[in-house]
Amino acid sequence: MANQSKSVRILDLIALSPGMRFSDIQKALWHMTYPPGTRPWEARGDSCRGYWCTNLLGGMHYHAGLLRFFCTKGADGLWRRNNKPHQGKPWRTMGYKRFW
């Protein structure tokens, strides 16, 4: 699991849960980026919030976002995994092309 991307790990985490709030998903990503004891969640600031919000929900003109492609949002506001497979490469499955 350590060699999986954060995108794959977060989709797997959502699949194992009964549903996750957006803030819980952001918190899980924060803890994947900063191991416990290095930077507390309460002092997060905006350092990676915009980057992951765009990757999770998508941008206006360039991609759908992980949640909008691989998950559905219930009436209760919780995100749940849909049945679209990603084979360990969610961005390729979405048709996203890297420019670098």
PDB file of N, CA and C in Angstrom:
ATOM      1  N   MET A   1       0.816  -1.192   0.000  1.00  0.00           N
ATOM      2  CA  MET A   1       0.000   0.000   0.000  1.00  0.00           C
ATOM      3  C   MET A   1       0.862   1.260   0.000  1.00  0.00           C
ATOM      4  N   ALA A   2       2.061   1.184   0.496  1.00  0.00           N
ATOM      5  CA  ALA A   2       2.928   2.360   0.589  1.00  0.00           C
ATOM      6  C   ALA A   2       3.309   2.891  -0.786  1.00  0.00           C
ATOM      7  N   ASN A   3       3.362   2.027  -1.794  1.00  0.00           N
ATOM      8  CA  ASN A   3       3.762   2.491  -3.115  1.00  0.00           C
ATOM      9  C   ASN A   3       2.575   2.953  -3.962  1.00  0.00           C
ATOM     10  N   GLN A   4       1.375   2.920  -3.425  1.00  0.00           N
ATOM     11  CA  GLN A   4       0.212   3.409  -4.151  1.00  0.00           C
ATOM     12  C   GLN A   4       0.149   4.930  -4.069  1.00  0.00           C
ATOM     13  N   SER A   5      -0.426   5.529  -5.079  1.00  0.00           N
ATOM     14  CA  SER A   5      -0.581   6.981  -5.071  1.00  0.00           C
ATOM     15  C   SER A   5      -1.633   7.386  -4.035  1.00  0.00           C
ATOM     16  N   LYS A   6      -1.594   8.654  -3.652  1.00  0.00           N
ATOM     17  CA  LYS A   6      -2.596   9.162  -2.709  1.00  0.00           C
ATOM     18  C   LYS A   6      -3.995   9.070  -3.309  1.00  0.00           C
ATOM     19  N   SER A   7      -4.094   9.245  -4.611  1.00  0.00           N
ATOM     20  CA  SER A   7      -5.389   9.156  -5.281  1.00  0.00           C
ATOM     21  C   SER A   7      -5.995   7.769  -5.108  1.00  0.00           C
ATOM     22  N   VAL A   8      -5.197   6.739  -5.316  1.00  0.00           N
ATOM     23  CA  VAL A   8      -5.671   5.364  -5.160  1.00  0.00           C
ATOM     24  C   VAL A   8      -6.001   5.087  -3.696  1.00  0.00           C
ATOM     25  N   ARG A   9      -5.130   5.525  -2.794  1.00  0.00           N
ATOM     26  CA  ARG A   9      -5.376   5.285  -1.365  1.00  0.00           C
ATOM     27  C   ARG A   9      -6.651   5.968  -0.889  1.00  0.00           C
ATOM     28  N   ILE A  10      -6.922   7.188  -1.361  1.00  0.00           N
ATOM     29  CA  ILE A  10      -8.133   7.880  -0.908  1.00  0.00           C
ATOM     30  C   ILE A  10      -9.379   7.227  -1.489  1.00  0.00           C
ATOM     31  N   LEU A  11      -9.327   6.766  -2.744  1.00  0.00           N
ATOM     32  CA  LEU A  11     -10.472   6.060  -3.317  1.00  0.00           C
ATOM     33  C   LEU A  11     -10.730   4.746  -2.590  1.00  0.00           C
ATOM     34  N   ASP A  12      -9.676   4.041  -2.220  1.00  0.00           N
ATOM     35  CA  ASP A  12      -9.828   2.801  -1.455  1.00  0.00           C
ATOM     36  C   ASP A  12     -10.397   3.079  -0.061  1.00  0.00           C
ATOM     37  N   LEU A  13      -9.967   4.165   0.554  1.00  0.00           N
ATOM     38  CA  LEU A  13     -10.471   4.546   1.875  1.00  0.00           C
ATOM     39  C   LEU A  13     -11.965   4.865   1.811  1.00  0.00           C
ATOM     40  N   ILE A  14     -12.378   5.575   0.780  1.00  0.00           N
ATOM     41  CA  ILE A  14     -13.804   5.891   0.602  1.00  0.00           C
ATOM     42  C   ILE A  14     -14.600   4.607   0.370  1.00  0.00           C
ATOM     43  N   ALA A  15     -14.045   3.680  -0.414  1.00  0.00           N
ATOM     44  CA  ALA A  15     -14.728   2.414  -0.694  1.00  0.00           C
ATOM     45  C   ALA A  15     -14.933   1.589   0.571  1.00  0.00           C
ATOM     46  N   LEU A  16     -13.990   1.656   1.504  1.00  0.00           N
ATOM     47  CA  LEU A  16     -14.088   0.882   2.741  1.00  0.00           C
ATOM     48  C   LEU A  16     -15.002   1.520   3.780  1.00  0.00           C
ATOM     49  N   SER A  17     -15.338   2.775   3.593  1.00  0.00           N
ATOM     50  CA  SER A  17     -16.156   3.480   4.571  1.00  0.00           C
ATOM     51  C   SER A  17     -17.631   3.458   4.153  1.00  0.00           C
ATOM     52  N   PRO A  18     -18.538   3.698   5.115  1.00  0.00           N
ATOM     53  CA  PRO A  18     -19.952   3.799   4.754  1.00  0.00           C
ATOM     54  C   PRO A  18     -20.275   5.126   4.066  1.00  0.00           C
ATOM     55  N   GLY A  19     -19.332   6.026   4.015  1.00  0.00           N
ATOM     56  CA  GLY A  19     -19.484   7.342   3.408  1.00  0.00           C
ATOM     57  C   GLY A  19     -18.575   8.314   4.143  1.00  0.00           C
ATOM     58  N   MET A  20     -18.041   9.283   3.412  1.00  0.00           N
ATOM     59  CA  MET A  20     -17.126  10.248   4.033  1.00  0.00           C
ATOM     60  C   MET A  20     -17.534  11.668   3.688  1.00  0.00           C
ATOM     61  N   ARG A  21     -17.421  12.557   4.674  1.00  0.00           N
ATOM     62  CA  ARG A  21     -17.616  13.984   4.420  1.00  0.00           C
ATOM     63  C   ARG A  21     -16.397  14.505   3.677  1.00  0.00           C
ATOM     64  N   PHE A  22     -16.580  15.595   2.934  1.00  0.00           N
ATOM     65  CA  PHE A  22     -15.468  16.178   2.196  1.00  0.00           C
ATOM     66  C   PHE A  22     -14.332  16.565   3.136  1.00  0.00           C
ATOM     67  N   SER A  23     -14.661  17.115   4.286  1.00  0.00           N
ATOM     68  CA  SER A  23     -13.619  17.514   5.238  1.00  0.00           C
ATOM     69  C   SER A  23     -12.859  16.307   5.781  1.00  0.00           C
ATOM     70  N   ASP A  24     -13.524  15.159   5.913  1.00  0.00           N
ATOM     71  CA  ASP A  24     -12.832  13.939   6.349  1.00  0.00           C
ATOM     72  C   ASP A  24     -11.868  13.450   5.264  1.00  0.00           C
ATOM     73  N   ILE A  25     -12.252  13.606   4.025  1.00  0.00           N
ATOM     74  CA  ILE A  25     -11.375  13.229   2.909  1.00  0.00           C
ATOM     75  C   ILE A  25     -10.155  14.140   2.894  1.00  0.00           C
ATOM     76  N   GLN A  26     -10.369  15.452   3.060  1.00  0.00           N
ATOM     77  CA  GLN A  26      -9.247  16.388   3.123  1.00  0.00           C
ATOM     78  C   GLN A  26      -8.319  16.058   4.282  1.00  0.00           C
ATOM     79  N   LYS A  27      -8.889  15.714   5.423  1.00  0.00           N
ATOM     80  CA  LYS A  27      -8.075  15.385   6.602  1.00  0.00           C
ATOM     81  C   LYS A  27      -7.245  14.124   6.359  1.00  0.00           C
ATOM     82  N   ALA A  28      -7.844  13.122   5.728  1.00  0.00           N
ATOM     83  CA  ALA A  28      -7.108  11.896   5.415  1.00  0.00           C
ATOM     84  C   ALA A  28      -5.942  12.195   4.469  1.00  0.00           C
ATOM     85  N   LEU A  29      -6.181  13.045   3.467  1.00  0.00           N
ATOM     86  CA  LEU A  29      -5.113  13.429   2.548  1.00  0.00           C
ATOM     87  C   LEU A  29      -4.016  14.205   3.269  1.00  0.00           C
ATOM     88  N   TRP A  30      -4.407  15.075   4.198  1.00  0.00           N
ATOM     89  CA  TRP A  30      -3.430  15.826   4.992  1.00  0.00           C
ATOM     90  C   TRP A  30      -2.520  14.859   5.746  1.00  0.00           C
ATOM     91  N   HIS A  31      -3.116  13.839   6.371  1.00  0.00           N
ATOM     92  CA  HIS A  31      -2.325  12.886   7.147  1.00  0.00           C
ATOM     93  C   HIS A  31      -1.480  11.972   6.262  1.00  0.00           C
ATOM     94  N   MET A  32      -1.875  11.792   5.010  1.00  0.00           N
ATOM     95  CA  MET A  32      -1.030  11.050   4.074  1.00  0.00           C
ATOM     96  C   MET A  32       0.178  11.898   3.661  1.00  0.00           C
ATOM     97  N   THR A  33      -0.025  13.201   3.584  1.00  0.00           N
ATOM     98  CA  THR A  33       1.039  14.118   3.185  1.00  0.00           C
ATOM     99  C   THR A  33       1.998  14.403   4.332  1.00  0.00           C
ATOM    100  N   TYR A  34       1.438  14.634   5.504  1.00  0.00           N
ATOM    101  CA  TYR A  34       2.233  14.960   6.695  1.00  0.00           C
ATOM    102  C   TYR A  34       1.998  13.894   7.748  1.00  0.00           C
ATOM    103  N   PRO A  35       2.952  12.994   7.951  1.00  0.00           N
ATOM    104  CA  PRO A  35       2.795  11.925   8.942  1.00  0.00           C
ATOM    105  C   PRO A  35       2.512  12.488  10.332  1.00  0.00           C
ATOM    106  N   PRO A  36       1.847  11.710  11.176  1.00  0.00           N
ATOM    107  CA  PRO A  36       1.526  12.185  12.527  1.00  0.00           C
ATOM    108  C   PRO A  36       2.759  12.714  13.259  1.00  0.00           C
ATOM    109  N   GLY A  37       2.582  13.845  13.910  1.00  0.00           N
ATOM    110  CA  GLY A  37       3.662  14.447  14.673  1.00  0.00           C
ATOM    111  C   GLY A  37       4.478  15.472  13.921  1.00  0.00           C
ATOM    112  N   THR A  38       4.304  15.563  12.601  1.00  0.00           N
ATOM    113  CA  THR A  38       5.104  16.527  11.832  1.00  0.00           C
ATOM    114  C   THR A  38       4.415  17.879  11.719  1.00  0.00           C
ATOM    115  N   ARG A  39       3.134  17.894  11.381  1.00  0.00           N
ATOM    116  CA  ARG A  39       2.353  19.128  11.311  1.00  0.00           C
ATOM    117  C   ARG A  39       0.928  18.823  11.750  1.00  0.00           C
ATOM    118  N   PRO A  40       0.444  19.501  12.773  1.00  0.00           N
ATOM    119  CA  PRO A  40      -0.920  19.210  13.232  1.00  0.00           C
ATOM    120  C   PRO A  40      -1.981  19.717  12.264  1.00  0.00           C
ATOM    121  N   TRP A  41      -3.078  18.995  12.155  1.00  0.00           N
ATOM    122  CA  TRP A  41      -4.197  19.346  11.287  1.00  0.00           C
ATOM    123  C   TRP A  41      -4.724  20.738  11.609  1.00  0.00           C
ATOM    124  N   GLU A  42      -4.734  21.100  12.869  1.00  0.00           N
ATOM    125  CA  GLU A  42      -5.283  22.385  13.287  1.00  0.00           C
ATOM    126  C   GLU A  42      -4.473  23.561  12.741  1.00  0.00           C
ATOM    127  N   ALA A  43      -3.210  23.365  12.401  1.00  0.00           N
ATOM    128  CA  ALA A  43      -2.347  24.438  11.897  1.00  0.00           C
ATOM    129  C   ALA A  43      -2.142  24.327  10.391  1.00  0.00           C
ATOM    130  N   ARG A  44      -3.137  23.834   9.681  1.00  0.00           N
ATOM    131  CA  ARG A  44      -2.956  23.476   8.275  1.00  0.00           C
ATOM    132  C   ARG A  44      -2.815  24.651   7.324  1.00  0.00           C
ATOM    133  N   GLY A  45      -3.492  25.745   7.554  1.00  0.00           N
ATOM    134  CA  GLY A  45      -3.379  26.855   6.608  1.00  0.00           C
ATOM    135  C   GLY A  45      -3.894  26.457   5.234  1.00  0.00           C
ATOM    136  N   ASP A  46      -3.412  27.087   4.201  1.00  0.00           N
ATOM    137  CA  ASP A  46      -3.880  26.817   2.844  1.00  0.00           C
ATOM    138  C   ASP A  46      -2.828  26.152   1.971  1.00  0.00           C
ATOM    139  N   SER A  47      -1.809  25.547   2.569  1.00  0.00           N
ATOM    140  CA  SER A  47      -0.673  25.059   1.795  1.00  0.00           C
ATOM    141  C   SER A  47      -1.025  24.017   0.745  1.00  0.00           C
ATOM    142  N   CYS A  48      -1.914  23.086   1.031  1.00  0.00           N
ATOM    143  CA  CYS A  48      -2.254  22.075   0.023  1.00  0.00           C
ATOM    144  C   CYS A  48      -3.752  21.980  -0.198  1.00  0.00           C
ATOM    145  N   ARG A  49      -4.528  22.845   0.432  1.00  0.00           N
ATOM    146  CA  ARG A  49      -5.981  22.774   0.318  1.00  0.00           C
ATOM    147  C   ARG A  49      -6.452  22.992  -1.117  1.00  0.00           C
ATOM    148  N   GLY A  50      -5.984  24.021  -1.785  1.00  0.00           N
ATOM    149  CA  GLY A  50      -6.419  24.311  -3.145  1.00  0.00           C
ATOM    150  C   GLY A  50      -6.043  23.220  -4.121  1.00  0.00           C
ATOM    151  N   TYR A  51      -4.839  22.681  -3.985  1.00  0.00           N
ATOM    152  CA  TYR A  51      -4.366  21.614  -4.869  1.00  0.00           C
ATOM    153  C   TYR A  51      -5.288  20.411  -4.778  1.00  0.00           C
ATOM    154  N   TRP A  52      -5.581  19.957  -3.558  1.00  0.00           N
ATOM    155  CA  TRP A  52      -6.400  18.765  -3.416  1.00  0.00           C
ATOM    156  C   TRP A  52      -7.865  19.022  -3.682  1.00  0.00           C
ATOM    157  N   CYS A  53      -8.365  20.231  -3.404  1.00  0.00           N
ATOM    158  CA  CYS A  53      -9.758  20.536  -3.751  1.00  0.00           C
ATOM    159  C   CYS A  53      -9.956  20.428  -5.256  1.00  0.00           C
ATOM    160  N   THR A  54      -9.012  20.948  -6.011  1.00  0.00           N
ATOM    161  CA  THR A  54      -9.104  20.869  -7.466  1.00  0.00           C
ATOM    162  C   THR A  54      -9.013  19.420  -7.936  1.00  0.00           C
ATOM    163  N   ASN A  55      -8.112  18.643  -7.362  1.00  0.00           N
ATOM    164  CA  ASN A  55      -7.983  17.242  -7.770  1.00  0.00           C
ATOM    165  C   ASN A  55      -9.202  16.417  -7.364  1.00  0.00           C
ATOM    166  N   LEU A  56      -9.804  16.746  -6.229  1.00  0.00           N
ATOM    167  CA  LEU A  56     -10.963  15.995  -5.776  1.00  0.00           C
ATOM    168  C   LEU A  56     -12.236  16.369  -6.524  1.00  0.00           C
ATOM    169  N   LEU A  57     -12.463  17.646  -6.706  1.00  0.00           N
ATOM    170  CA  LEU A  57     -13.722  18.095  -7.312  1.00  0.00           C
ATOM    171  C   LEU A  57     -13.591  18.506  -8.768  1.00  0.00           C
ATOM    172  N   GLY A  58     -12.379  18.773  -9.217  1.00  0.00           N
ATOM    173  CA  GLY A  58     -12.157  19.141 -10.611  1.00  0.00           C
ATOM    174  C   GLY A  58     -12.075  20.633 -10.808  1.00  0.00           C
ATOM    175  N   GLY A  59     -11.588  20.987 -11.954  1.00  0.00           N
ATOM    176  CA  GLY A  59     -11.490  22.385 -12.323  1.00  0.00           C
ATOM    177  C   GLY A  59     -12.596  22.738 -13.298  1.00  0.00           C
ATOM    178  N   MET A  60     -12.764  23.994 -13.529  1.00  0.00           N
ATOM    179  CA  MET A  60     -13.834  24.433 -14.417  1.00  0.00           C
ATOM    180  C   MET A  60     -13.662  23.918 -15.840  1.00  0.00           C
ATOM    181  N   HIS A  61     -12.440  23.870 -16.325  1.00  0.00           N
ATOM    182  CA  HIS A  61     -12.253  23.596 -17.749  1.00  0.00           C
ATOM    183  C   HIS A  61     -11.402  22.375 -18.069  1.00  0.00           C
ATOM    184  N   TYR A  62     -10.786  21.723 -17.077  1.00  0.00           N
ATOM    185  CA  TYR A  62      -9.807  20.713 -17.483  1.00  0.00           C
ATOM    186  C   TYR A  62     -10.034  19.292 -17.024  1.00  0.00           C
ATOM    187  N   HIS A  63     -10.676  19.002 -15.929  1.00  0.00           N
ATOM    188  CA  HIS A  63     -10.987  17.609 -15.592  1.00  0.00           C
ATOM    189  C   HIS A  63     -12.121  17.535 -14.588  1.00  0.00           C
ATOM    190  N   ALA A  64     -12.703  16.350 -14.458  1.00  0.00           N
ATOM    191  CA  ALA A  64     -13.880  16.169 -13.615  1.00  0.00           C
ATOM    192  C   ALA A  64     -13.537  16.102 -12.135  1.00  0.00           C
ATOM    193  N   GLY A  65     -12.379  15.617 -11.774  1.00  0.00           N
ATOM    194  CA  GLY A  65     -12.036  15.426 -10.374  1.00  0.00           C
ATOM    195  C   GLY A  65     -12.311  13.996  -9.936  1.00  0.00           C
ATOM    196  N   LEU A  66     -11.514  13.525  -9.001  1.00  0.00           N
ATOM    197  CA  LEU A  66     -11.639  12.140  -8.542  1.00  0.00           C
ATOM    198  C   LEU A  66     -13.025  11.835  -7.981  1.00  0.00           C
ATOM    199  N   LEU A  67     -13.527  12.696  -7.111  1.00  0.00           N
ATOM    200  CA  LEU A  67     -14.817  12.413  -6.480  1.00  0.00           C
ATOM    201  C   LEU A  67     -15.954  12.420  -7.477  1.00  0.00           C
ATOM    202  N   ARG A  68     -15.952  13.362  -8.389  1.00  0.00           N
ATOM    203  CA  ARG A  68     -17.049  13.449  -9.359  1.00  0.00           C
ATOM    204  C   ARG A  68     -17.009  12.327 -10.383  1.00  0.00           C
ATOM    205  N   PHE A  69     -15.855  11.702 -10.558  1.00  0.00           N
ATOM    206  CA  PHE A  69     -15.724  10.613 -11.526  1.00  0.00           C
ATOM    207  C   PHE A  69     -15.917   9.250 -10.867  1.00  0.00           C
ATOM    208  N   PHE A  70     -15.303   9.044  -9.707  1.00  0.00           N
ATOM    209  CA  PHE A  70     -15.294   7.721  -9.071  1.00  0.00           C
ATOM    210  C   PHE A  70     -16.210   7.592  -7.863  1.00  0.00           C
ATOM    211  N   CYS A  71     -16.939   8.645  -7.508  1.00  0.00           N
ATOM    212  CA  CYS A  71     -17.799   8.603  -6.333  1.00  0.00           C
ATOM    213  C   CYS A  71     -19.126   9.286  -6.633  1.00  0.00           C
ATOM    214  N   THR A  72     -20.072   9.083  -5.736  1.00  0.00           N
ATOM    215  CA  THR A  72     -21.337   9.802  -5.799  1.00  0.00           C
ATOM    216  C   THR A  72     -21.579  10.429  -4.447  1.00  0.00           C
ATOM    217  N   LYS A  73     -22.241  11.568  -4.456  1.00  0.00           N
ATOM    218  CA  LYS A  73     -22.552  12.257  -3.214  1.00  0.00           C
ATOM    219  C   LYS A  73     -24.006  11.997  -2.877  1.00  0.00           C
ATOM    220  N   GLY A  74     -24.234  11.448  -1.688  1.00  0.00           N
ATOM    221  CA  GLY A  74     -25.589  11.131  -1.280  1.00  0.00           C
ATOM    222  C   GLY A  74     -26.340  12.349  -0.780  1.00  0.00           C
ATOM    223  N   ALA A  75     -27.637  12.173  -0.556  1.00  0.00           N
ATOM    224  CA  ALA A  75     -28.478  13.249  -0.036  1.00  0.00           C
ATOM    225  C   ALA A  75     -28.023  13.671   1.361  1.00  0.00           C
ATOM    226  N   ASP A  76     -27.331  12.781   2.056  1.00  0.00           N
ATOM    227  CA  ASP A  76     -26.813  13.086   3.396  1.00  0.00           C
ATOM    228  C   ASP A  76     -25.495  13.856   3.341  1.00  0.00           C
ATOM    229  N   GLY A  77     -24.987  14.130   2.134  1.00  0.00           N
ATOM    230  CA  GLY A  77     -23.747  14.887   1.973  1.00  0.00           C
ATOM    231  C   GLY A  77     -22.488  14.051   2.027  1.00  0.00           C
ATOM    232  N   LEU A  78     -22.620  12.736   2.156  1.00  0.00           N
ATOM    233  CA  LEU A  78     -21.457  11.854   2.232  1.00  0.00           C
ATOM    234  C   LEU A  78     -21.092  11.334   0.843  1.00  0.00           C
ATOM    235  N   TRP A  79     -19.786  11.264   0.601  1.00  0.00           N
ATOM    236  CA  TRP A  79     -19.270  10.728  -0.653  1.00  0.00           C
ATOM    237  C   TRP A  79     -19.097   9.225  -0.518  1.00  0.00           C
ATOM    238  N   ARG A  80     -19.568   8.484  -1.521  1.00  0.00           N
ATOM    239  CA  ARG A  80     -19.448   7.026  -1.548  1.00  0.00           C
ATOM    240  C   ARG A  80     -18.889   6.606  -2.898  1.00  0.00           C
ATOM    241  N   ARG A  81     -18.123   5.542  -2.882  1.00  0.00           N
ATOM    242  CA  ARG A  81     -17.479   5.027  -4.091  1.00  0.00           C
ATOM    243  C   ARG A  81     -18.525   4.445  -5.018  1.00  0.00           C
ATOM    244  N   ASN A  82     -18.437   4.771  -6.322  1.00  0.00           N
ATOM    245  CA  ASN A  82     -19.326   4.148  -7.308  1.00  0.00           C
ATOM    246  C   ASN A  82     -18.638   2.892  -7.846  1.00  0.00           C
ATOM    247  N   ASN A  83     -19.178   2.307  -8.899  1.00  0.00           N
ATOM    248  CA  ASN A  83     -18.626   1.037  -9.396  1.00  0.00           C
ATOM    249  C   ASN A  83     -17.628   1.197 -10.539  1.00  0.00           C
ATOM    250  N   LYS A  84     -17.180   2.411 -10.836  1.00  0.00           N
ATOM    251  CA  LYS A  84     -16.198   2.583 -11.915  1.00  0.00           C
ATOM    252  C   LYS A  84     -14.823   2.099 -11.450  1.00  0.00           C
ATOM    253  N   PRO A  85     -14.229   1.134 -12.162  1.00  0.00           N
ATOM    254  CA  PRO A  85     -12.902   0.648 -11.777  1.00  0.00           C
ATOM    255  C   PRO A  85     -11.799   1.617 -12.202  1.00  0.00           C
ATOM    256  N   HIS A  86     -10.706   1.609 -11.468  1.00  0.00           N
ATOM    257  CA  HIS A  86      -9.589   2.486 -11.839  1.00  0.00           C
ATOM    258  C   HIS A  86      -8.299   1.720 -12.102  1.00  0.00           C
ATOM    259  N   GLN A  87      -8.240   0.440 -11.814  1.00  0.00           N
ATOM    260  CA  GLN A  87      -7.067  -0.417 -12.042  1.00  0.00           C
ATOM    261  C   GLN A  87      -5.766   0.195 -11.525  1.00  0.00           C
ATOM    262  N   GLY A  88      -5.842   0.952 -10.446  1.00  0.00           N
ATOM    263  CA  GLY A  88      -4.638   1.529  -9.854  1.00  0.00           C
ATOM    264  C   GLY A  88      -4.120   2.776 -10.550  1.00  0.00           C
ATOM    265  N   LYS A  89      -4.808   3.231 -11.583  1.00  0.00           N
ATOM    266  CA  LYS A  89      -4.379   4.425 -12.321  1.00  0.00           C
ATOM    267  C   LYS A  89      -5.607   5.305 -12.603  1.00  0.00           C
ATOM    268  N   PRO A  90      -6.131   5.950 -11.561  1.00  0.00           N
ATOM    269  CA  PRO A  90      -7.372   6.706 -11.754  1.00  0.00           C
ATOM    270  C   PRO A  90      -7.272   7.831 -12.768  1.00  0.00           C
ATOM    271  N   TRP A  91      -6.151   8.524 -12.830  1.00  0.00           N
ATOM    272  CA  TRP A  91      -6.052   9.650 -13.757  1.00  0.00           C
ATOM    273  C   TRP A  91      -6.033   9.182 -15.203  1.00  0.00           C
ATOM    274  N   ARG A  92      -5.429   8.054 -15.472  1.00  0.00           N
ATOM    275  CA  ARG A  92      -5.454   7.504 -16.840  1.00  0.00           C
ATOM    276  C   ARG A  92      -6.852   7.029 -17.193  1.00  0.00           C
ATOM    277  N   THR A  93      -7.539   6.438 -16.213  1.00  0.00           N
ATOM    278  CA  THR A  93      -8.905   5.981 -16.446  1.00  0.00           C
ATOM    279  C   THR A  93      -9.805   7.151 -16.814  1.00  0.00           C
ATOM    280  N   MET A  94      -9.573   8.305 -16.189  1.00  0.00           N
ATOM    281  CA  MET A  94     -10.372   9.496 -16.455  1.00  0.00           C
ATOM    282  C   MET A  94     -10.004  10.143 -17.796  1.00  0.00           C
ATOM    283  N   GLY A  95      -8.881   9.730 -18.374  1.00  0.00           N
ATOM    284  CA  GLY A  95      -8.448  10.318 -19.634  1.00  0.00           C
ATOM    285  C   GLY A  95      -7.632  11.581 -19.452  1.00  0.00           C
ATOM    286  N   TYR A  96      -7.146  11.792 -18.245  1.00  0.00           N
ATOM    287  CA  TYR A  96      -6.343  12.975 -17.943  1.00  0.00           C
ATOM    288  C   TYR A  96      -4.946  12.777 -18.487  1.00  0.00           C
ATOM    289  N   LYS A  97      -4.418  13.752 -19.197  1.00  0.00           N
ATOM    290  CA  LYS A  97      -3.072  13.668 -19.761  1.00  0.00           C
ATOM    291  C   LYS A  97      -2.153  14.642 -19.019  1.00  0.00           C
ATOM    292  N   ARG A  98      -1.025  14.146 -18.601  1.00  0.00           N
ATOM    293  CA  ARG A  98      -0.043  15.007 -17.949  1.00  0.00           C
ATOM    294  C   ARG A  98       0.696  15.834 -18.986  1.00  0.00           C
ATOM    295  N   PHE A  99       1.005  17.053 -18.613  1.00  0.00           N
ATOM    296  CA  PHE A  99       1.725  17.927 -19.513  1.00  0.00           C
ATOM    297  C   PHE A  99       3.173  18.092 -19.101  1.00  0.00           C
ATOM    298  N   TRP A 100       3.636  17.294 -18.149  1.00  0.00           N
ATOM    299  CA  TRP A 100       5.034  17.379 -17.714  1.00  0.00           C
ATOM    300  C   TRP A 100       5.671  16.034 -17.714  1.00  0.00           C
TER     301      TRP A 100
END
